[in-house]
Amino acid sequence: MSPRYPLVEFGGGDSLRQSHGTAVLSKFMEQLTAASSSMLLLDYDVTLAPFHTERHLAYPYPGVVAVLEKILDAARSRVIIVTGRPVLEIGPLLRPLNKLEIWGSHGLEHLMADGTYRQFPIGPEVATSLSQAESFLIAAGLSQRIEIKPGGIAVHWRGMPAVEMESVRTRTQRALSALVNQSGLRQLEFDEGLELRVEHPNKGDTVRSILRDLGDPTRVAFLGDDLTDEDAFRALHSRGLSVLVRPEYRETDAEIWLEPPGELIDFLEQWRDAVSA
């Protein structure tokens, strides 16, 4: 893994911060101010919203919606949500924002800012395997923990005591063991859960697809938190700024680390100021 500069200080925190990370961010913001166009790519859970045991109540950190609204009003940034959640879950959580572009289910769904929606097909063999996975998980007594997504099936153990969480994880892995190596499927661990889903598209594929149509002067950043975002960080390498956003640092291919909500809000406010200049 190439050297990274994960710690960036925005305000006087008491943690030791690496100055090189601050320099990376400062240079990016200078370029953003001078750019005629820009793009802000954002994961949702943990990145923009704190963890919540009830997924439909995972609203953004205070201040996030207001500053995103001002970024959109400046009309110099295209704001895109790139999430593992289905598209339909995101809109209600980000109200009153509208006309957002959303790539859901790791890129299998695409809702454009004008309301146009597209869901990309998956192969019949993969669909059959996912149906089998659902049956195996139900047989393992995990029906209450299952979330069916386009192109995937997830098991959540959020909010459970450690002993119960480990039991659910073990039963999930055992139930899916016959399917994880099947062609076209990929097993992903995320915070508080595990998902079996189509191998492609992933968030890296989605970012590459978005970048393909951009001109070189466009400044781009991707903000994400968990292991599913690492594909996107790598896809953005040398093309934009990759940012890990989570309460605790972990090894990552992102260039800098922000601790939410304070440093996240500071970053978004700097973005707002840059595109409003």
C-alpha atoms as a PDB file:
ATOM      1  CA  MET A   1       0.000   0.000   0.000  1.00  0.00           C
ATOM      2  CA  SER A   2       1.415   3.390  -0.947  1.00  0.00           C
ATOM      3  CA  PRO A   3       2.051   5.990   1.786  1.00  0.00           C
ATOM      4  CA  ARG A   4      -1.006   7.968   2.852  1.00  0.00           C
ATOM      5  CA  TYR A   5      -1.524  11.036   4.992  1.00  0.00           C
ATOM      6  CA  PRO A   6      -4.670  10.244   6.940  1.00  0.00           C
ATOM      7  CA  LEU A   7      -4.792  12.834   9.673  1.00  0.00           C
ATOM      8  CA  VAL A   8      -5.984  16.331   8.864  1.00  0.00           C
ATOM      9  CA  GLU A   9      -6.631  19.047  11.405  1.00  0.00           C
ATOM     10  CA  PHE A  10      -9.298  21.655  10.748  1.00  0.00           C
ATOM     11  CA  GLY A  11      -9.579  23.315  14.024  1.00  0.00           C
ATOM     12  CA  GLY A  12      -7.376  22.807  17.104  1.00  0.00           C
ATOM     13  CA  GLY A  13      -8.093  19.230  18.100  1.00  0.00           C
ATOM     14  CA  ASP A  14      -5.823  17.629  20.647  1.00  0.00           C
ATOM     15  CA  SER A  15      -4.750  14.691  18.432  1.00  0.00           C
ATOM     16  CA  LEU A  16      -1.421  14.644  16.627  1.00  0.00           C
ATOM     17  CA  ARG A  17      -2.061  15.497  12.974  1.00  0.00           C
ATOM     18  CA  GLN A  18       0.244  15.063   9.991  1.00  0.00           C
ATOM     19  CA  SER A  19       0.991  18.338   8.271  1.00  0.00           C
ATOM     20  CA  HIS A  20       1.338  16.704   4.866  1.00  0.00           C
ATOM     21  CA  GLY A  21      -2.351  15.778   4.973  1.00  0.00           C
ATOM     22  CA  THR A  22      -3.262  19.406   5.568  1.00  0.00           C
ATOM     23  CA  ALA A  23      -1.092  20.420   2.624  1.00  0.00           C
ATOM     24  CA  VAL A  24      -2.856  17.893   0.364  1.00  0.00           C
ATOM     25  CA  LEU A  25      -6.227  19.334   1.317  1.00  0.00           C
ATOM     26  CA  SER A  26      -5.121  22.961   0.996  1.00  0.00           C
ATOM     27  CA  LYS A  27      -3.770  22.360  -2.492  1.00  0.00           C
ATOM     28  CA  PHE A  28      -6.990  20.646  -3.522  1.00  0.00           C
ATOM     29  CA  MET A  29      -9.144  23.508  -2.220  1.00  0.00           C
ATOM     30  CA  GLU A  30      -7.020  26.041  -4.107  1.00  0.00           C
ATOM     31  CA  GLN A  31      -7.555  24.072  -7.304  1.00  0.00           C
ATOM     32  CA  LEU A  32     -11.261  23.774  -6.534  1.00  0.00           C
ATOM     33  CA  THR A  33     -11.580  27.551  -6.144  1.00  0.00           C
ATOM     34  CA  ALA A  34     -10.021  28.101  -9.552  1.00  0.00           C
ATOM     35  CA  ALA A  35     -11.943  25.322 -11.316  1.00  0.00           C
ATOM     36  CA  SER A  36     -14.967  26.076 -13.479  1.00  0.00           C
ATOM     37  CA  SER A  37     -16.553  22.738 -12.599  1.00  0.00           C
ATOM     38  CA  SER A  38     -16.334  20.199  -9.806  1.00  0.00           C
ATOM     39  CA  MET A  39     -17.888  17.009  -8.549  1.00  0.00           C
ATOM     40  CA  LEU A  40     -18.526  15.866  -4.980  1.00  0.00           C
ATOM     41  CA  LEU A  41     -19.111  12.115  -4.640  1.00  0.00           C
ATOM     42  CA  LEU A  42     -20.510  11.017  -1.286  1.00  0.00           C
ATOM     43  CA  ASP A  43     -21.228   7.701   0.365  1.00  0.00           C
ATOM     44  CA  TYR A  44     -24.136   7.916   2.820  1.00  0.00           C
ATOM     45  CA  ASP A  45     -24.028   5.746   5.952  1.00  0.00           C
ATOM     46  CA  VAL A  46     -21.401   6.841   8.517  1.00  0.00           C
ATOM     47  CA  THR A  47     -19.974   9.249   5.911  1.00  0.00           C
ATOM     48  CA  LEU A  48     -22.924  11.674   6.001  1.00  0.00           C
ATOM     49  CA  ALA A  49     -25.008  10.112   8.774  1.00  0.00           C
ATOM     50  CA  PRO A  50     -24.195   8.524  12.118  1.00  0.00           C
ATOM     51  CA  PHE A  51     -24.817   4.857  12.733  1.00  0.00           C
ATOM     52  CA  HIS A  52     -28.381   4.070  13.788  1.00  0.00           C
ATOM     53  CA  THR A  53     -29.848   0.694  14.671  1.00  0.00           C
ATOM     54  CA  GLU A  54     -32.956   1.646  12.672  1.00  0.00           C
ATOM     55  CA  ARG A  55     -31.798   2.261   9.109  1.00  0.00           C
ATOM     56  CA  HIS A  56     -34.760   4.475   8.200  1.00  0.00           C
ATOM     57  CA  LEU A  57     -33.838   6.821  11.069  1.00  0.00           C
ATOM     58  CA  ALA A  58     -30.198   7.308  10.065  1.00  0.00           C
ATOM     59  CA  TYR A  59     -30.533  11.019   9.286  1.00  0.00           C
ATOM     60  CA  PRO A  60     -27.479  13.127   8.370  1.00  0.00           C
ATOM     61  CA  TYR A  61     -25.275  14.813  10.921  1.00  0.00           C
ATOM     62  CA  PRO A  62     -26.649  18.243  11.864  1.00  0.00           C
ATOM     63  CA  GLY A  63     -25.532  20.822   9.323  1.00  0.00           C
ATOM     64  CA  VAL A  64     -24.854  18.417   6.455  1.00  0.00           C
ATOM     65  CA  VAL A  65     -28.060  19.051   4.509  1.00  0.00           C
ATOM     66  CA  ALA A  66     -27.793  22.836   4.880  1.00  0.00           C
ATOM     67  CA  VAL A  67     -24.234  23.023   3.555  1.00  0.00           C
ATOM     68  CA  LEU A  68     -24.970  20.588   0.700  1.00  0.00           C
ATOM     69  CA  GLU A  69     -27.893  22.778  -0.270  1.00  0.00           C
ATOM     70  CA  LYS A  70     -25.577  25.789  -0.503  1.00  0.00           C
ATOM     71  CA  ILE A  71     -23.078  23.805  -2.571  1.00  0.00           C
ATOM     72  CA  LEU A  72     -25.855  22.899  -4.995  1.00  0.00           C
ATOM     73  CA  ASP A  73     -27.099  26.496  -5.086  1.00  0.00           C
ATOM     74  CA  ALA A  74     -23.652  27.693  -6.129  1.00  0.00           C
ATOM     75  CA  ALA A  75     -24.181  25.682  -9.357  1.00  0.00           C
ATOM     76  CA  ARG A  76     -20.499  24.885  -9.800  1.00  0.00           C
ATOM     77  CA  SER A  77     -20.578  21.412  -8.286  1.00  0.00           C
ATOM     78  CA  ARG A  78     -22.334  18.247  -9.290  1.00  0.00           C
ATOM     79  CA  VAL A  79     -23.225  16.396  -6.067  1.00  0.00           C
ATOM     80  CA  ILE A  80     -23.690  12.631  -6.367  1.00  0.00           C
ATOM     81  CA  ILE A  81     -24.551  10.081  -3.689  1.00  0.00           C
ATOM     82  CA  VAL A  82     -22.829   6.714  -4.277  1.00  0.00           C
ATOM     83  CA  THR A  83     -24.201   4.213  -1.776  1.00  0.00           C
ATOM     84  CA  GLY A  84     -24.822   0.566  -1.083  1.00  0.00           C
ATOM     85  CA  ARG A  85     -28.384   1.440  -0.107  1.00  0.00           C
ATOM     86  CA  PRO A  86     -31.205   1.168  -2.620  1.00  0.00           C
ATOM     87  CA  VAL A  87     -31.976   4.504  -4.279  1.00  0.00           C
ATOM     88  CA  LEU A  88     -35.458   4.773  -2.751  1.00  0.00           C
ATOM     89  CA  GLU A  89     -34.051   4.867   0.798  1.00  0.00           C
ATOM     90  CA  ILE A  90     -31.880   7.935   0.262  1.00  0.00           C
ATOM     91  CA  GLY A  91     -34.354  10.639  -0.789  1.00  0.00           C
ATOM     92  CA  PRO A  92     -36.413  10.647   2.430  1.00  0.00           C
ATOM     93  CA  LEU A  93     -33.253  10.854   4.543  1.00  0.00           C
ATOM     94  CA  LEU A  94     -31.874  13.902   2.711  1.00  0.00           C
ATOM     95  CA  ARG A  95     -35.008  16.044   2.572  1.00  0.00           C
ATOM     96  CA  PRO A  96     -35.464  18.865   1.695  1.00  0.00           C
ATOM     97  CA  LEU A  97     -32.672  18.330  -0.844  1.00  0.00           C
ATOM     98  CA  ASN A  98     -34.040  17.442  -4.239  1.00  0.00           C
ATOM     99  CA  LYS A  99     -32.721  16.959  -7.744  1.00  0.00           C
ATOM    100  CA  LEU A 100     -29.888  14.869  -6.332  1.00  0.00           C
ATOM    101  CA  GLU A 101     -28.136  12.342  -8.511  1.00  0.00           C
ATOM    102  CA  ILE A 102     -27.928   8.970  -6.741  1.00  0.00           C
ATOM    103  CA  TRP A 103     -26.137   5.767  -7.628  1.00  0.00           C
ATOM    104  CA  GLY A 104     -27.638   3.068  -5.385  1.00  0.00           C
ATOM    105  CA  SER A 105     -26.934  -0.607  -4.666  1.00  0.00           C
ATOM    106  CA  HIS A 106     -23.207  -0.041  -5.333  1.00  0.00           C
ATOM    107  CA  GLY A 107     -24.001   1.184  -8.852  1.00  0.00           C
ATOM    108  CA  LEU A 108     -26.767  -1.168 -10.003  1.00  0.00           C
ATOM    109  CA  GLU A 109     -29.293   1.682  -9.759  1.00  0.00           C
ATOM    110  CA  HIS A 110     -28.995   5.198 -11.145  1.00  0.00           C
ATOM    111  CA  LEU A 111     -31.366   8.061 -10.375  1.00  0.00           C
ATOM    112  CA  MET A 112     -30.484  11.172 -12.361  1.00  0.00           C
ATOM    113  CA  ALA A 113     -31.097  14.697 -11.119  1.00  0.00           C
ATOM    114  CA  ASP A 114     -34.015  15.068 -13.535  1.00  0.00           C
ATOM    115  CA  GLY A 115     -35.774  12.037 -12.037  1.00  0.00           C
ATOM    116  CA  THR A 116     -34.819   9.546 -14.735  1.00  0.00           C
ATOM    117  CA  TYR A 117     -34.262   6.122 -13.179  1.00  0.00           C
ATOM    118  CA  ARG A 118     -32.427   3.084 -14.491  1.00  0.00           C
ATOM    119  CA  GLN A 119     -31.727  -0.303 -12.909  1.00  0.00           C
ATOM    120  CA  PHE A 120     -29.043  -2.379 -14.564  1.00  0.00           C
ATOM    121  CA  PRO A 121     -29.823  -6.074 -15.138  1.00  0.00           C
ATOM    122  CA  ILE A 122     -28.018  -9.019 -13.591  1.00  0.00           C
ATOM    123  CA  GLY A 123     -27.484 -12.413 -15.184  1.00  0.00           C
ATOM    124  CA  PRO A 124     -29.967 -15.243 -14.589  1.00  0.00           C
ATOM    125  CA  GLU A 125     -27.349 -17.497 -12.959  1.00  0.00           C
ATOM    126  CA  VAL A 126     -26.427 -14.795 -10.461  1.00  0.00           C
ATOM    127  CA  ALA A 127     -30.114 -14.133  -9.753  1.00  0.00           C
ATOM    128  CA  THR A 128     -30.613 -17.851  -9.053  1.00  0.00           C
ATOM    129  CA  SER A 129     -27.640 -17.888  -6.664  1.00  0.00           C
ATOM    130  CA  LEU A 130     -28.992 -14.883  -4.752  1.00  0.00           C
ATOM    131  CA  SER A 131     -32.367 -16.599  -4.461  1.00  0.00           C
ATOM    132  CA  GLN A 132     -30.602 -19.650  -3.049  1.00  0.00           C
ATOM    133  CA  ALA A 133     -28.745 -17.420  -0.600  1.00  0.00           C
ATOM    134  CA  GLU A 134     -32.046 -16.052   0.680  1.00  0.00           C
ATOM    135  CA  SER A 135     -33.358 -19.589   1.216  1.00  0.00           C
ATOM    136  CA  PHE A 136     -30.171 -20.640   3.029  1.00  0.00           C
ATOM    137  CA  LEU A 137     -30.305 -17.610   5.338  1.00  0.00           C
ATOM    138  CA  ILE A 138     -33.972 -18.153   6.160  1.00  0.00           C
ATOM    139  CA  ALA A 139     -33.217 -21.799   6.965  1.00  0.00           C
ATOM    140  CA  ALA A 140     -30.466 -20.576   9.312  1.00  0.00           C
ATOM    141  CA  GLY A 141     -33.051 -18.564  11.265  1.00  0.00           C
ATOM    142  CA  LEU A 142     -31.875 -15.180   9.993  1.00  0.00           C
ATOM    143  CA  SER A 143     -35.022 -13.986   8.210  1.00  0.00           C
ATOM    144  CA  GLN A 144     -35.381 -10.976  10.528  1.00  0.00           C
ATOM    145  CA  ARG A 145     -31.837  -9.851   9.721  1.00  0.00           C
ATOM    146  CA  ILE A 146     -32.061 -10.025   5.925  1.00  0.00           C
ATOM    147  CA  GLU A 147     -32.212  -7.060   3.562  1.00  0.00           C
ATOM    148  CA  ILE A 148     -32.949  -7.829  -0.091  1.00  0.00           C
ATOM    149  CA  LYS A 149     -31.322  -5.389  -2.510  1.00  0.00           C
ATOM    150  CA  PRO A 150     -31.084  -5.151  -6.274  1.00  0.00           C
ATOM    151  CA  GLY A 151     -28.201  -7.485  -7.043  1.00  0.00           C
ATOM    152  CA  GLY A 152     -27.510  -8.467  -3.446  1.00  0.00           C
ATOM    153  CA  ILE A 153     -28.635  -9.743  -0.076  1.00  0.00           C
ATOM    154  CA  ALA A 154     -27.340  -8.326   3.207  1.00  0.00           C
ATOM    155  CA  VAL A 155     -27.480  -9.540   6.789  1.00  0.00           C
ATOM    156  CA  HIS A 156     -27.324  -6.872   9.512  1.00  0.00           C
ATOM    157  CA  TRP A 157     -26.269  -7.338  13.113  1.00  0.00           C
ATOM    158  CA  ARG A 158     -26.235  -3.670  14.055  1.00  0.00           C
ATOM    159  CA  GLY A 159     -26.949  -2.862  17.676  1.00  0.00           C
ATOM    160  CA  MET A 160     -26.655  -6.463  18.890  1.00  0.00           C
ATOM    161  CA  PRO A 161     -24.640  -7.535  21.943  1.00  0.00           C
ATOM    162  CA  ALA A 162     -21.209  -8.887  21.032  1.00  0.00           C
ATOM    163  CA  VAL A 163     -22.066 -12.534  21.712  1.00  0.00           C
ATOM    164  CA  GLU A 164     -25.242 -12.430  19.599  1.00  0.00           C
ATOM    165  CA  MET A 165     -23.459 -10.499  16.872  1.00  0.00           C
ATOM    166  CA  GLU A 166     -20.785 -13.171  16.592  1.00  0.00           C
ATOM    167  CA  SER A 167     -23.471 -15.868  16.459  1.00  0.00           C
ATOM    168  CA  VAL A 168     -25.252 -14.090  13.578  1.00  0.00           C
ATOM    169  CA  ARG A 169     -21.977 -13.549  11.728  1.00  0.00           C
ATOM    170  CA  THR A 170     -21.021 -17.215  12.074  1.00  0.00           C
ATOM    171  CA  ARG A 171     -24.428 -18.475  10.951  1.00  0.00           C
ATOM    172  CA  THR A 172     -24.374 -16.069   8.002  1.00  0.00           C
ATOM    173  CA  GLN A 173     -20.950 -17.170   6.819  1.00  0.00           C
ATOM    174  CA  ARG A 174     -21.891 -20.818   7.197  1.00  0.00           C
ATOM    175  CA  ALA A 175     -25.151 -20.354   5.259  1.00  0.00           C
ATOM    176  CA  LEU A 176     -23.398 -18.550   2.400  1.00  0.00           C
ATOM    177  CA  SER A 177     -20.243 -20.666   2.271  1.00  0.00           C
ATOM    178  CA  ALA A 178     -21.450 -22.692  -0.719  1.00  0.00           C
ATOM    179  CA  LEU A 179     -22.095 -19.538  -2.752  1.00  0.00           C
ATOM    180  CA  VAL A 180     -19.281 -17.112  -1.986  1.00  0.00           C
ATOM    181  CA  ASN A 181     -16.926 -18.531  -4.600  1.00  0.00           C
ATOM    182  CA  GLN A 182     -19.493 -18.679  -7.371  1.00  0.00           C
ATOM    183  CA  SER A 183     -18.615 -16.702 -10.466  1.00  0.00           C
ATOM    184  CA  GLY A 184     -20.056 -13.203 -10.484  1.00  0.00           C
ATOM    185  CA  LEU A 185     -20.656 -12.978  -6.720  1.00  0.00           C
ATOM    186  CA  ARG A 186     -18.665 -11.220  -4.038  1.00  0.00           C
ATOM    187  CA  GLN A 187     -18.941 -11.276  -0.250  1.00  0.00           C
ATOM    188  CA  LEU A 188     -18.488  -7.889   1.403  1.00  0.00           C
ATOM    189  CA  GLU A 189     -18.143  -7.131   5.078  1.00  0.00           C
ATOM    190  CA  PHE A 190     -19.318  -3.690   6.150  1.00  0.00           C
ATOM    191  CA  ASP A 191     -19.814  -2.060   9.527  1.00  0.00           C
ATOM    192  CA  GLU A 192     -22.355  -4.178  11.400  1.00  0.00           C
ATOM    193  CA  GLY A 193     -23.090  -6.615   8.598  1.00  0.00           C
ATOM    194  CA  LEU A 194     -22.197  -8.761   5.619  1.00  0.00           C
ATOM    195  CA  GLU A 195     -23.469  -8.735   2.052  1.00  0.00           C
ATOM    196  CA  LEU A 196     -23.401 -11.216  -0.814  1.00  0.00           C
ATOM    197  CA  ARG A 197     -23.780  -9.313  -4.040  1.00  0.00           C
ATOM    198  CA  VAL A 198     -22.846  -9.175  -7.683  1.00  0.00           C
ATOM    199  CA  GLU A 199     -19.137  -8.624  -8.182  1.00  0.00           C
ATOM    200  CA  HIS A 200     -19.762  -5.898 -10.731  1.00  0.00           C
ATOM    201  CA  PRO A 201     -20.637  -3.129 -10.694  1.00  0.00           C
ATOM    202  CA  ASN A 202     -19.005  -2.006  -7.462  1.00  0.00           C
ATOM    203  CA  LYS A 203     -18.368   1.535  -6.285  1.00  0.00           C
ATOM    204  CA  GLY A 204     -15.071   1.627  -8.157  1.00  0.00           C
ATOM    205  CA  ASP A 205     -16.831   0.738 -11.408  1.00  0.00           C
ATOM    206  CA  THR A 206     -19.381   3.465 -10.705  1.00  0.00           C
ATOM    207  CA  VAL A 207     -16.729   6.117 -10.088  1.00  0.00           C
ATOM    208  CA  ARG A 208     -14.851   5.125 -13.243  1.00  0.00           C
ATOM    209  CA  SER A 209     -18.101   5.370 -15.203  1.00  0.00           C
ATOM    210  CA  ILE A 210     -18.760   8.864 -13.844  1.00  0.00           C
ATOM    211  CA  LEU A 211     -15.194  10.028 -14.501  1.00  0.00           C
ATOM    212  CA  ARG A 212     -15.224   8.728 -18.062  1.00  0.00           C
ATOM    213  CA  ASP A 213     -17.401  11.596 -19.251  1.00  0.00           C
ATOM    214  CA  LEU A 214     -15.586  14.361 -17.365  1.00  0.00           C
ATOM    215  CA  GLY A 215     -13.154  16.894 -18.733  1.00  0.00           C
ATOM    216  CA  ASP A 216      -9.718  17.050 -17.110  1.00  0.00           C
ATOM    217  CA  PRO A 217     -10.240  20.459 -15.413  1.00  0.00           C
ATOM    218  CA  THR A 218     -13.106  19.121 -13.273  1.00  0.00           C
ATOM    219  CA  ARG A 219     -12.037  18.758  -9.650  1.00  0.00           C
ATOM    220  CA  VAL A 220     -13.384  15.594  -8.009  1.00  0.00           C
ATOM    221  CA  ALA A 221     -13.511  14.193  -4.478  1.00  0.00           C
ATOM    222  CA  PHE A 222     -14.996  10.991  -3.085  1.00  0.00           C
ATOM    223  CA  LEU A 223     -15.903  10.664   0.600  1.00  0.00           C
ATOM    224  CA  GLY A 224     -16.567   7.199   2.055  1.00  0.00           C
ATOM    225  CA  ASP A 225     -16.171   5.195   5.221  1.00  0.00           C
ATOM    226  CA  ASP A 226     -16.121   1.413   4.912  1.00  0.00           C
ATOM    227  CA  LEU A 227     -14.407  -1.348   2.967  1.00  0.00           C
ATOM    228  CA  THR A 228     -16.869  -1.122   0.067  1.00  0.00           C
ATOM    229  CA  ASP A 229     -15.555   2.406  -0.565  1.00  0.00           C
ATOM    230  CA  GLU A 230     -11.971   1.256  -1.081  1.00  0.00           C
ATOM    231  CA  ASP A 231     -12.746   0.331  -4.707  1.00  0.00           C
ATOM    232  CA  ALA A 232     -13.836   3.939  -5.247  1.00  0.00           C
ATOM    233  CA  PHE A 233     -10.732   5.343  -3.542  1.00  0.00           C
ATOM    234  CA  ARG A 234      -8.532   3.299  -5.868  1.00  0.00           C
ATOM    235  CA  ALA A 235     -10.568   4.276  -8.928  1.00  0.00           C
ATOM    236  CA  LEU A 236     -10.064   7.952  -8.087  1.00  0.00           C
ATOM    237  CA  HIS A 237      -6.311   7.617  -7.539  1.00  0.00           C
ATOM    238  CA  SER A 238      -4.402  10.459  -9.285  1.00  0.00           C
ATOM    239  CA  ARG A 239      -7.706  11.812 -10.635  1.00  0.00           C
ATOM    240  CA  GLY A 240      -9.076  13.462  -7.494  1.00  0.00           C
ATOM    241  CA  LEU A 241      -9.117  13.552  -3.708  1.00  0.00           C
ATOM    242  CA  SER A 242     -10.115  10.409  -1.786  1.00  0.00           C
ATOM    243  CA  VAL A 243     -11.322  10.966   1.781  1.00  0.00           C
ATOM    244  CA  LEU A 244     -11.978   8.437   4.548  1.00  0.00           C
ATOM    245  CA  VAL A 245     -14.755   9.672   6.877  1.00  0.00           C
ATOM    246  CA  ARG A 246     -15.283   7.668  10.051  1.00  0.00           C
ATOM    247  CA  PRO A 247     -14.934   8.102  13.820  1.00  0.00           C
ATOM    248  CA  GLU A 248     -11.887   5.813  14.049  1.00  0.00           C
ATOM    249  CA  TYR A 249      -9.013   5.566  11.618  1.00  0.00           C
ATOM    250  CA  ARG A 250      -8.286   2.311   9.771  1.00  0.00           C
ATOM    251  CA  GLU A 251      -5.866   1.299   7.042  1.00  0.00           C
ATOM    252  CA  THR A 252      -7.083   2.726   3.759  1.00  0.00           C
ATOM    253  CA  ASP A 253      -6.208   3.757   0.225  1.00  0.00           C
ATOM    254  CA  ALA A 254      -7.797   7.160   0.863  1.00  0.00           C
ATOM    255  CA  GLU A 255      -5.448  10.125   0.966  1.00  0.00           C
ATOM    256  CA  ILE A 256      -6.833  11.833   4.063  1.00  0.00           C
ATOM    257  CA  TRP A 257      -9.027  10.977   7.037  1.00  0.00           C
ATOM    258  CA  LEU A 258     -11.788  13.159   8.490  1.00  0.00           C
ATOM    259  CA  GLU A 259     -13.449  12.497  11.825  1.00  0.00           C
ATOM    260  CA  PRO A 260     -17.182  13.278  11.690  1.00  0.00           C
ATOM    261  CA  PRO A 261     -19.109  15.316  12.334  1.00  0.00           C
ATOM    262  CA  GLY A 262     -16.844  18.326  12.993  1.00  0.00           C
ATOM    263  CA  GLU A 263     -14.132  17.734  10.402  1.00  0.00           C
ATOM    264  CA  LEU A 264     -16.688  16.567   7.848  1.00  0.00           C
ATOM    265  CA  ILE A 265     -18.707  19.777   8.225  1.00  0.00           C
ATOM    266  CA  ASP A 266     -15.509  21.855   8.016  1.00  0.00           C
ATOM    267  CA  PHE A 267     -14.574  20.090   4.775  1.00  0.00           C
ATOM    268  CA  LEU A 268     -18.008  20.683   3.252  1.00  0.00           C
ATOM    269  CA  GLU A 269     -17.929  24.341   4.317  1.00  0.00           C
ATOM    270  CA  GLN A 270     -14.528  24.756   2.685  1.00  0.00           C
ATOM    271  CA  TRP A 271     -15.986  23.212  -0.460  1.00  0.00           C
ATOM    272  CA  ARG A 272     -18.963  25.587  -0.275  1.00  0.00           C
ATOM    273  CA  ASP A 273     -16.677  28.599   0.100  1.00  0.00           C
ATOM    274  CA  ALA A 274     -14.457  27.459  -2.768  1.00  0.00           C
ATOM    275  CA  VAL A 275     -17.296  27.025  -5.274  1.00  0.00           C
ATOM    276  CA  SER A 276     -19.029  30.229  -4.109  1.00  0.00           C
ATOM    277  CA  ALA A 277     -15.916  32.362  -4.554  1.00  0.00           C
END
